[in-house]
Protein backbone atom coordinates (compact mmCIF):
# COMPACT_ATOMS: atom_id res chain seq x y z
CA MET A 1 8.63 -12.78 5.44
CA ILE A 2 7.26 -9.50 4.10
CA TYR A 3 9.41 -10.01 1.00
CA THR A 4 7.78 -13.41 0.40
CA ILE A 5 4.29 -11.99 0.84
CA VAL A 6 4.97 -9.12 -1.57
CA VAL A 7 6.44 -11.48 -4.18
CA GLY A 8 3.48 -13.84 -3.71
CA LEU A 9 0.95 -11.05 -4.06
CA VAL A 10 2.52 -9.67 -7.22
CA ALA A 11 2.96 -13.12 -8.77
CA GLY A 12 -0.56 -14.26 -7.88
CA TRP A 13 -2.09 -11.06 -9.25
CA ALA A 14 -0.05 -11.31 -12.47
CA ALA A 15 -0.95 -14.98 -12.92
CA GLY A 16 -4.63 -14.08 -12.58
CA LYS A 17 -4.26 -11.42 -15.27
CA ILE A 18 -2.30 -13.72 -17.58
CA MET A 19 -4.76 -16.60 -17.23
CA LYS A 20 -7.76 -14.25 -17.69
CA GLY A 21 -10.00 -15.84 -15.13
CA SER A 22 -11.92 -14.73 -12.13
CA GLY A 23 -9.70 -13.68 -9.27
CA TYR A 24 -9.20 -15.83 -6.21
CA GLY A 25 -8.99 -12.96 -3.72
CA VAL A 26 -5.97 -11.32 -2.13
CA LEU A 27 -5.14 -14.13 0.32
CA MET A 28 -5.43 -16.84 -2.31
CA ASP A 29 -3.37 -14.74 -4.76
CA ILE A 30 -0.61 -14.49 -2.15
CA LEU A 31 -0.68 -18.23 -1.48
CA LEU A 32 -0.80 -18.99 -5.19
CA GLY A 33 2.19 -16.72 -5.80
CA ILE A 34 4.22 -18.27 -2.99
CA ALA A 35 3.43 -21.79 -4.19
CA GLY A 36 4.15 -20.60 -7.72
CA GLY A 37 7.60 -19.50 -6.62
CA LEU A 38 8.35 -22.99 -5.37
CA VAL A 39 6.93 -24.69 -8.46
CA GLY A 40 8.61 -22.24 -10.83
CA GLY A 41 11.96 -22.76 -9.13
CA LEU A 42 11.64 -26.54 -9.40
CA VAL A 43 10.64 -26.41 -13.07
CA LEU A 44 13.53 -24.11 -13.96
CA ARG A 45 16.01 -26.31 -12.09
CA LEU A 46 14.75 -29.35 -14.00
CA PHE A 47 15.74 -27.57 -17.21
CA GLY A 48 19.11 -26.47 -15.81
CA PHE A 49 18.29 -22.79 -15.18
CA TYR A 50 19.02 -21.09 -11.88
CA THR A 51 18.08 -17.60 -10.74
CA THR A 52 20.76 -15.48 -9.14
CA GLY A 53 18.32 -13.79 -6.81
CA GLY A 54 16.92 -10.33 -6.66
CA LEU A 55 13.36 -9.14 -6.73
CA LEU A 56 12.62 -9.20 -10.46
CA PRO A 57 13.89 -12.74 -11.20
CA THR A 58 12.10 -14.02 -8.11
CA ILE A 59 8.82 -12.46 -9.22
CA LEU A 60 9.19 -13.78 -12.77
CA VAL A 61 9.84 -17.33 -11.55
CA ALA A 62 6.88 -17.10 -9.16
CA ILE A 63 4.63 -15.88 -11.99
CA LEU A 64 5.71 -18.80 -14.17
CA GLY A 65 4.94 -21.28 -11.39
CA ALA A 66 1.64 -19.63 -10.49
CA VAL A 67 0.49 -19.73 -14.13
CA LEU A 68 1.37 -23.43 -14.24
CA LEU A 69 -0.58 -24.06 -11.02
CA VAL A 70 -3.65 -22.21 -12.31
CA ALA A 71 -3.52 -24.15 -15.59
CA ILE A 72 -3.27 -27.47 -13.75
CA ALA A 73 -6.09 -26.54 -11.36
CA ARG A 74 -8.36 -25.60 -14.25
CA LYS A 75 -7.63 -28.86 -16.07
CA LEU A 76 -8.40 -30.88 -12.93
CA LYS A 77 -11.58 -28.92 -12.31
CA LYS A 78 -12.86 -29.61 -15.84
CA GLY A 79 -11.88 -33.27 -15.87
């Protein structure tokens, strides 16, 4: 569980930096990173890519998913 929180925090923080927006706070960054891990894993599997595990690949997949979630949320907020 601590592993998931750490990955979520790092991924949420990195997604905030990549998307250059106002931060969502620590708790929201963690939740965004965790959700991003799920979304990123699904997207990669759709394209036939699978991670073998480990901390770095997990964080990278979570960052990818979190960036996608932030982009979608911003589009919905504008529209």
